[in-house]
Protein backbone atom coordinates (compact mmCIF):
# COMPACT_ATOMS: atom_id res chain seq x y z
CA MET A 1 84.16 93.19 99.42
CA THR A 2 83.03 90.36 97.07
CA PHE A 3 81.15 87.46 97.91
CA GLU A 4 84.06 85.28 97.33
CA GLU A 5 86.33 87.38 99.56
CA CYS A 6 83.35 87.17 102.28
CA LYS A 7 83.30 83.31 102.07
CA ARG A 8 87.16 83.07 102.24
CA ILE A 9 87.06 85.01 105.62
CA GLN A 10 83.99 83.05 106.76
CA ASP A 11 85.83 79.68 106.12
CA THR A 12 89.21 80.68 107.67
CA LEU A 13 87.40 82.01 111.02
CA GLY A 14 85.51 78.66 111.14
CA ILE A 15 82.74 77.32 112.91
CA GLY A 16 82.55 75.62 116.31
CA PRO A 17 83.64 76.90 119.87
CA ARG A 18 86.71 78.60 118.42
CA SER A 19 85.18 80.52 115.77
CA TYR A 20 84.89 84.11 117.69
CA TYR A 21 86.96 86.93 117.07
CA VAL A 22 87.47 90.70 118.47
CA TYR A 23 87.86 93.53 116.03
CA ALA A 24 87.94 97.19 115.78
CA LEU A 25 86.14 99.74 113.44
CA CYS A 26 89.04 102.50 112.68
CA THR A 27 89.20 105.77 111.14
CA ASP A 28 92.25 107.80 110.28
CA SER A 29 92.29 109.07 113.98
CA GLY A 30 92.33 105.48 115.39
CA PRO A 31 89.43 103.04 116.72
CA PHE A 32 86.28 104.10 117.66
CA TYR A 33 84.43 100.64 118.28
CA ILE A 34 85.59 97.50 119.67
CA GLY A 35 83.40 94.39 119.36
CA LYS A 36 83.47 90.60 119.18
CA GLY A 37 81.52 88.23 117.19
CA LYS A 38 81.73 85.43 114.64
CA GLY A 39 80.97 85.00 110.76
CA LEU A 40 80.87 88.34 109.19
CA ARG A 41 79.94 90.34 112.29
CA ILE A 42 82.82 92.78 111.49
CA LEU A 43 81.14 94.00 108.51
CA ASN A 44 77.36 94.31 109.95
CA HIS A 45 77.83 97.91 111.30
CA GLN A 46 78.76 99.43 107.96
CA ASP A 47 75.98 97.42 106.56
CA ALA A 48 73.46 98.86 108.93
CA ALA A 49 74.71 102.33 108.83
CA GLN A 50 74.37 102.26 104.90
CA LEU A 51 70.68 100.83 105.24
CA ALA A 52 69.83 103.49 107.88
CA GLU A 53 71.20 106.16 105.90
CA GLU A 54 69.55 105.30 102.71
CA SER A 55 66.23 104.85 104.36
CA ILE A 56 66.59 108.45 105.53
CA ASN A 57 67.59 109.84 102.28
CA ALA A 58 64.69 107.86 100.55
CA ASP A 59 62.13 109.68 102.52
CA ASP A 60 60.90 112.42 100.37
CA MET A 61 58.82 114.16 102.90
CA LEU A 62 62.13 114.90 105.04
CA SER A 63 63.66 118.42 104.73
CA PRO A 64 67.80 118.39 104.51
CA GLU A 65 67.50 119.43 108.11
CA GLU A 66 65.22 116.93 109.42
CA ARG A 67 67.47 114.04 107.70
CA GLN A 68 70.39 115.38 109.52
CA GLN A 69 68.20 115.36 112.72
CA ARG A 70 67.51 111.79 112.00
CA ILE A 71 71.25 110.96 111.53
CA ARG A 72 72.01 112.75 114.80
CA ALA A 73 69.57 110.75 116.76
CA MET A 74 71.26 107.48 115.77
CA SER A 75 74.20 105.95 118.05
CA ALA A 76 77.67 107.49 118.03
CA LYS A 77 78.76 104.26 116.33
CA LEU A 78 76.80 104.67 113.09
CA GLN A 79 77.11 108.47 113.07
CA THR A 80 80.97 107.74 112.95
CA ILE A 81 80.44 105.22 110.09
CA ILE A 82 78.12 107.60 108.08
CA GLY A 83 80.16 110.89 108.35
CA ASN A 84 83.25 108.68 107.36
CA LYS A 85 82.17 106.32 104.79
CA ASP A 86 85.20 104.82 102.87
CA ARG A 87 87.63 105.84 105.53
CA ILE A 88 86.43 102.99 107.79
CA GLU A 89 88.81 100.23 108.21
CA PRO A 90 87.49 97.00 109.95
CA VAL A 91 90.62 95.47 111.76
CA ILE A 92 90.63 91.77 112.93
CA ILE A 93 92.38 92.03 116.25
CA LYS A 94 92.66 88.31 117.52
CA TRP A 95 90.85 85.32 116.27
CA GLY A 96 90.38 81.40 116.91
CA LEU A 97 88.72 82.48 120.34
CA THR A 98 86.01 80.85 122.42
CA GLU A 99 83.24 83.11 123.31
CA HIS A 100 84.37 83.57 126.89
CA GLU A 101 87.85 84.42 125.59
CA ALA A 102 86.26 86.81 123.06
CA PHE A 103 84.29 88.65 125.78
CA MET A 104 87.70 88.94 127.94
CA CYS A 105 89.54 90.22 125.07
CA GLU A 106 86.88 92.62 123.97
CA SER A 107 86.63 93.93 127.57
CA SER A 108 90.51 94.62 128.11
CA LEU A 109 90.65 96.54 124.98
CA ILE A 110 87.66 98.87 125.80
CA ASN A 111 89.15 99.11 129.27
CA LEU A 112 92.67 100.14 127.73
CA LEU A 113 91.33 102.54 125.25
CA LYS A 114 89.01 104.29 127.48
CA PHE A 115 91.84 104.67 130.05
CA CYS A 116 94.11 106.17 127.36
CA LYS A 117 91.43 108.57 125.88
CA GLY A 118 93.20 111.99 125.46
CA LYS A 119 96.71 110.41 126.05
CA SER A 120 99.62 109.85 123.56
CA ILE A 121 100.32 106.37 123.15
CA ALA A 122 104.27 105.65 123.19
CA GLU A 123 105.59 102.94 120.99
CA LEU A 124 105.27 99.76 122.70
CA THR A 125 108.45 97.92 124.09
CA ASN A 126 106.96 94.46 123.64
CA ILE A 127 109.45 92.13 121.68
CA VAL A 128 106.60 89.99 120.46
CA ASN A 129 102.74 90.32 119.89
CA GLY A 130 101.89 87.58 122.32
CA HIS A 131 100.45 84.14 122.02
CA ALA A 132 98.69 83.00 119.20
CA SER A 133 95.42 81.08 119.47
CA PRO A 134 95.27 77.53 118.46
CA LEU A 135 93.63 78.38 115.23
CA GLU A 136 96.18 80.90 114.31
CA GLN A 137 98.93 78.29 115.13
CA ASP A 138 97.26 75.73 112.86
CA ASN A 139 96.79 78.11 109.80
CA PRO A 140 98.60 76.78 106.89
CA SER A 141 100.21 80.22 106.17
CA ASP A 142 101.97 80.02 109.57
CA VAL A 143 100.13 82.91 110.89
CA LYS A 144 101.71 85.04 113.67
CA SER A 145 99.12 86.94 116.16
CA LYS A 146 98.63 90.41 115.23
CA ALA A 147 95.93 92.88 114.08
CA ARG A 148 95.12 92.97 110.68
CA PRO A 149 92.61 95.34 108.44
CA LEU A 150 90.59 92.88 106.46
CA PRO A 151 92.63 92.97 103.21
CA LEU A 152 95.77 92.04 104.96
CA PHE A 153 93.65 89.33 106.74
CA LEU A 154 92.48 87.93 103.36
CA GLU A 155 96.35 88.34 102.16
CA GLU A 156 97.95 86.61 105.08
CA CYS A 157 95.56 84.23 106.53
CA ALA A 158 92.39 83.38 104.54
CA VAL A 159 92.12 79.91 103.16
CA SER A 160 93.07 79.77 99.42
CA HIS A 161 91.68 78.04 96.36
CA LYS A 162 93.52 75.10 94.92
CA ASP A 163 92.48 73.20 91.82
CA ILE A 164 91.53 69.45 92.07
CA SER A 165 93.18 69.15 88.54
CA GLU A 166 96.37 69.40 90.07
CA LEU A 167 96.18 65.78 91.67
CA ARG A 168 97.66 62.88 90.12
CA GLY A 169 95.67 60.01 90.48
CA LYS A 170 92.00 59.37 91.58
CA VAL A 171 90.27 60.89 94.61
CA VAL A 172 86.80 60.86 96.34
CA LEU A 173 85.41 64.24 97.67
CA VAL A 174 82.94 63.77 100.62
CA LYS A 175 80.80 66.37 101.98
CA ILE A 176 80.26 66.19 105.37
CA ASN A 177 78.04 69.58 105.95
CA SER A 178 75.62 67.93 108.22
CA THR A 179 78.19 66.39 110.71
CA TYR A 180 81.21 68.73 110.67
CA PRO A 181 79.62 71.31 113.00
CA ASN A 182 79.82 68.43 115.61
CA CYS A 183 83.26 67.42 114.77
CA PHE A 184 85.11 69.52 117.65
CA ASN A 185 86.78 68.27 120.96
CA ALA A 186 86.56 69.72 124.46
CA ASP A 187 89.23 72.33 123.66
CA GLY A 188 87.17 73.52 120.57
CA LEU A 189 89.46 72.17 118.04
CA PRO A 190 88.35 70.16 115.02
CA ASP A 191 88.58 66.47 116.07
CA GLU A 192 90.34 64.60 113.56
CA ASP A 193 88.72 61.05 114.82
CA LYS A 194 85.30 62.37 114.18
CA ILE A 195 85.96 63.95 110.87
CA ARG A 196 87.77 60.53 109.61
CA ASP A 197 84.44 58.58 110.99
CA SER A 198 82.34 61.08 109.14
CA VAL A 199 83.70 59.90 105.71
CA SER A 200 84.77 56.28 106.63
CA GLY A 201 81.17 55.14 107.13
CA THR A 202 78.94 53.30 104.83
CA TRP A 203 78.13 54.97 101.52
CA LYS A 204 75.81 53.54 98.63
CA ILE A 205 78.60 53.62 95.99
CA ASN A 206 79.05 51.73 92.93
CA ARG A 207 82.05 49.29 93.66
CA ARG A 208 83.49 49.69 89.87
CA GLY A 209 83.85 53.35 90.35
CA GLN A 210 86.09 52.98 92.90
CA ASP A 211 88.91 51.28 91.25
CA GLY A 212 92.11 53.29 91.53
CA ILE A 213 91.09 55.77 93.95
CA GLN A 214 93.47 56.48 96.57
CA TYR A 215 92.42 59.21 98.86
CA VAL A 216 89.22 60.69 100.48
CA PHE A 217 88.81 64.52 100.89
CA ALA A 218 86.24 65.49 103.73
CA LEU A 219 84.87 68.64 102.81
CA TYR A 220 83.02 71.32 104.58
CA ARG A 221 81.22 73.72 102.34
CA GLY A 222 84.14 73.11 99.86
CA ARG A 223 86.91 73.61 102.19
CA VAL A 224 89.12 70.60 102.77
CA VAL A 225 88.92 69.70 106.48
CA GLY A 226 90.57 66.18 106.48
CA ILE A 227 92.50 64.12 104.12
CA TYR A 228 92.94 60.21 104.25
CA HIS A 229 94.33 57.36 102.62
CA ILE A 230 92.01 54.30 101.66
CA SER A 231 93.75 51.38 102.68
CA ARG A 232 90.94 49.01 101.44
CA PHE A 233 87.67 49.20 100.49
CA SER A 234 85.35 46.78 102.67
CA ALA A 235 82.84 44.07 101.39
CA PRO A 236 79.27 44.75 101.50
CA LEU A 237 78.21 45.57 105.13
CA GLY A 238 76.60 42.28 105.83
CA GLU A 239 79.23 40.18 104.28
CA GLU A 240 82.08 42.21 106.08
CA PHE A 241 80.38 41.04 109.21
CA GLN A 242 79.93 37.53 108.25
CA ILE A 243 83.59 37.37 107.41
CA HIS A 244 85.05 39.13 110.30
CA HIS A 245 82.54 38.90 112.96
CA CYS A 246 83.19 42.60 113.14
CA LEU A 247 83.86 45.66 111.26
CA PRO A 248 87.70 46.34 111.38
CA GLY A 249 88.32 50.05 111.64
CA PHE A 250 84.66 50.65 111.59
CA SER A 251 83.93 54.35 113.10
CA SER A 252 81.59 55.13 115.90
CA PHE A 253 80.74 58.85 114.84
CA PRO A 254 78.08 59.92 114.14
CA GLU A 255 76.84 57.71 116.99
CA GLN A 256 73.24 57.28 115.77
CA ALA A 257 74.28 56.38 112.27
CA ARG A 258 76.77 53.79 113.43
CA ARG A 259 74.60 52.20 115.80
CA MET A 260 72.22 51.48 112.82
CA ASP A 261 74.88 50.50 110.62
CA LEU A 262 76.31 47.87 113.17
CA MET A 263 72.51 46.47 113.77
CA VAL A 264 72.04 46.41 109.72
CA ALA A 265 75.43 44.38 109.64
CA GLN A 266 74.41 41.74 112.07
CA TYR A 267 70.65 41.05 111.11
CA ALA A 268 69.70 39.89 107.64
CA SER A 269 66.19 40.15 108.37
CA VAL A 270 63.56 42.27 110.40
CA GLU A 271 62.54 38.93 112.09
CA GLN A 272 66.20 38.09 113.27
CA ALA A 273 66.59 41.67 114.53
CA ARG A 274 63.28 41.19 116.43
CA LYS A 275 64.69 38.30 118.31
CA GLY A 276 68.32 39.41 118.81
CA LEU A 277 67.96 43.11 119.73
CA SER A 278 66.61 44.37 122.82
CA ALA A 279 63.12 46.08 122.84
CA GLU A 280 64.61 49.49 122.66
CA ASP A 281 67.18 48.92 120.21
CA PHE A 282 64.65 47.07 117.77
CA GLN A 283 62.32 50.09 118.18
CA PHE A 284 65.03 52.17 116.74
CA PHE A 285 65.98 49.53 114.10
CA PHE A 286 62.39 49.41 113.03
CA ASP A 287 61.53 53.23 113.17
CA THR A 288 64.77 54.10 111.15
CA LEU A 289 63.89 51.64 108.31
CA THR A 290 60.26 52.86 108.53
CA LYS A 291 61.50 56.26 107.80
CA LYS A 292 63.59 55.06 104.84
CA VAL A 293 60.34 53.46 103.11
CA ASN A 294 58.45 56.60 103.74
CA LEU A 295 60.49 58.63 101.85
CA LYS A 296 58.86 59.45 98.36
CA SER A 297 62.14 59.28 96.56
CA ARG A 298 62.77 55.47 97.67
CA LYS A 299 61.97 52.68 95.28
CA ALA A 300 61.87 50.26 98.36
CA LYS A 301 58.50 49.32 99.17
CA THR A 302 59.04 47.26 102.39
CA LEU A 303 61.31 47.22 105.45
CA GLN A 304 62.91 44.16 104.22
CA ASP A 305 63.66 46.03 100.81
CA VAL A 306 65.44 48.99 102.78
CA LEU A 307 67.35 46.41 104.98
CA ASP A 308 68.67 44.30 101.85
CA ALA A 309 69.57 47.46 100.13
CA TRP A 310 71.36 48.82 103.51
CA ARG A 311 73.34 45.62 103.85
CA GLN A 312 74.87 46.05 100.15
CA ARG A 313 76.68 49.36 101.25
CA ALA A 314 80.42 49.33 101.96
CA TYR A 315 82.59 51.63 103.65
CA TYR A 316 86.24 52.95 103.74
CA VAL A 317 88.94 51.63 105.90
CA LEU A 318 91.21 54.79 106.19
CA ASP A 319 94.47 55.81 107.29
CA LYS A 320 96.97 58.87 107.44
CA ASP A 321 99.48 57.68 104.84
CA VAL A 322 99.11 60.77 102.79
CA PRO A 323 101.93 62.26 100.82
CA GLN A 324 102.86 65.90 101.14
CA ASP A 325 101.81 66.80 97.63
CA VAL A 326 98.13 65.72 98.62
CA MET A 327 98.23 67.02 102.11
CA ALA A 328 98.89 70.54 100.57
CA PHE A 329 95.06 70.51 99.53
CA MET A 330 94.17 70.84 103.50
CA ASN A 331 92.31 73.78 104.61
CA THR A 332 91.93 75.26 100.87
CA LEU A 333 88.92 75.78 98.98
CA VAL A 334 88.56 73.12 95.95
CA THR A 335 87.95 74.36 92.36
CA LEU A 336 88.01 72.39 89.34
CA ASN A 337 89.80 74.17 86.21
CA GLY A 338 89.39 77.19 88.15
CA ASP A 339 85.36 76.79 88.50
CA GLN A 340 84.77 77.92 92.02
CA THR A 341 81.13 76.65 91.59
CA PHE A 342 82.55 73.04 91.33
CA LEU A 343 80.82 71.69 94.67
CA GLN A 344 77.81 73.72 94.79
CA CYS A 345 75.60 71.02 93.69
CA GLU A 346 73.66 68.84 96.34
CA ALA A 347 75.42 65.52 95.69
CA SER A 348 77.18 64.00 98.55
CA LEU A 349 80.13 62.62 96.66
CA GLN A 350 82.06 63.62 93.59
CA TYR A 351 84.78 61.98 91.83
CA ARG A 352 87.90 63.09 89.97
CA PHE A 353 89.21 60.79 87.60
């Protein structure tokens, strides 16, 4: 399996509370191992078996008989994988599960298959395959619940690539790699409000570069996890608060970052903040500015320099007025003119003109 195929599988299975799945390793005779995990756990067993066999074969001190003895000393699972090599078929049975749900599903399947050992299994009379998980239901391919070998999972379920050059007009792409892992609600599903808040906060952007931009894409590891329309682009943070005495549509997530933004918007000097904030809030305000001054990459020399620069930042006021052709990019991996490495640089913002 290629690196890109592995990435598509990982991005489809996702992160967060509902990133678990249950899988089987099968030969022509049927399943011989049931497991649960996340990420690429389904492929780890074959990798481990290959490394173990290569390690044994690389030992020139062992005779052929001793090599076979070493293999027979391995677990039955590894022996089966080594003995069948390219005939192993990894199958994803159920995905989009919490860890507890995955444990229960794994246990149920193990119990059933052990009960059925040595018995012929008749064709099931169930009309449907059962209920889909929330992530299966939200899959853009309208995925139904069923067990799929990895090639079929890639074909039917995995996120696809979509080229940003297909878009008409201007968009801004905002990476939220650091905040997205916390953008989940109590049900373990992506929280749209938190994702929106992650991209609508203050950014150090050249205002002239924003002319004509209509939409913001929120990206996690190159995958589009949110799309929003820019209803307006605010005045600099300090001016915005001075004009409206509040920050319309101002986001609250991530909490600590927005806490600082609101303080910066209200106080034009460190001394004003000292007088207006509680001792606890001012300590947070002071410590945050100090950290910015101490960063070697910063040109600012004083706390006031950092505060002045921060007050010049602006933010997006976003809504969901997004046409269908733009929403078609949701849950896709963004490329540019076919280049799949387009978003692998470190920049937080990239523009498409």
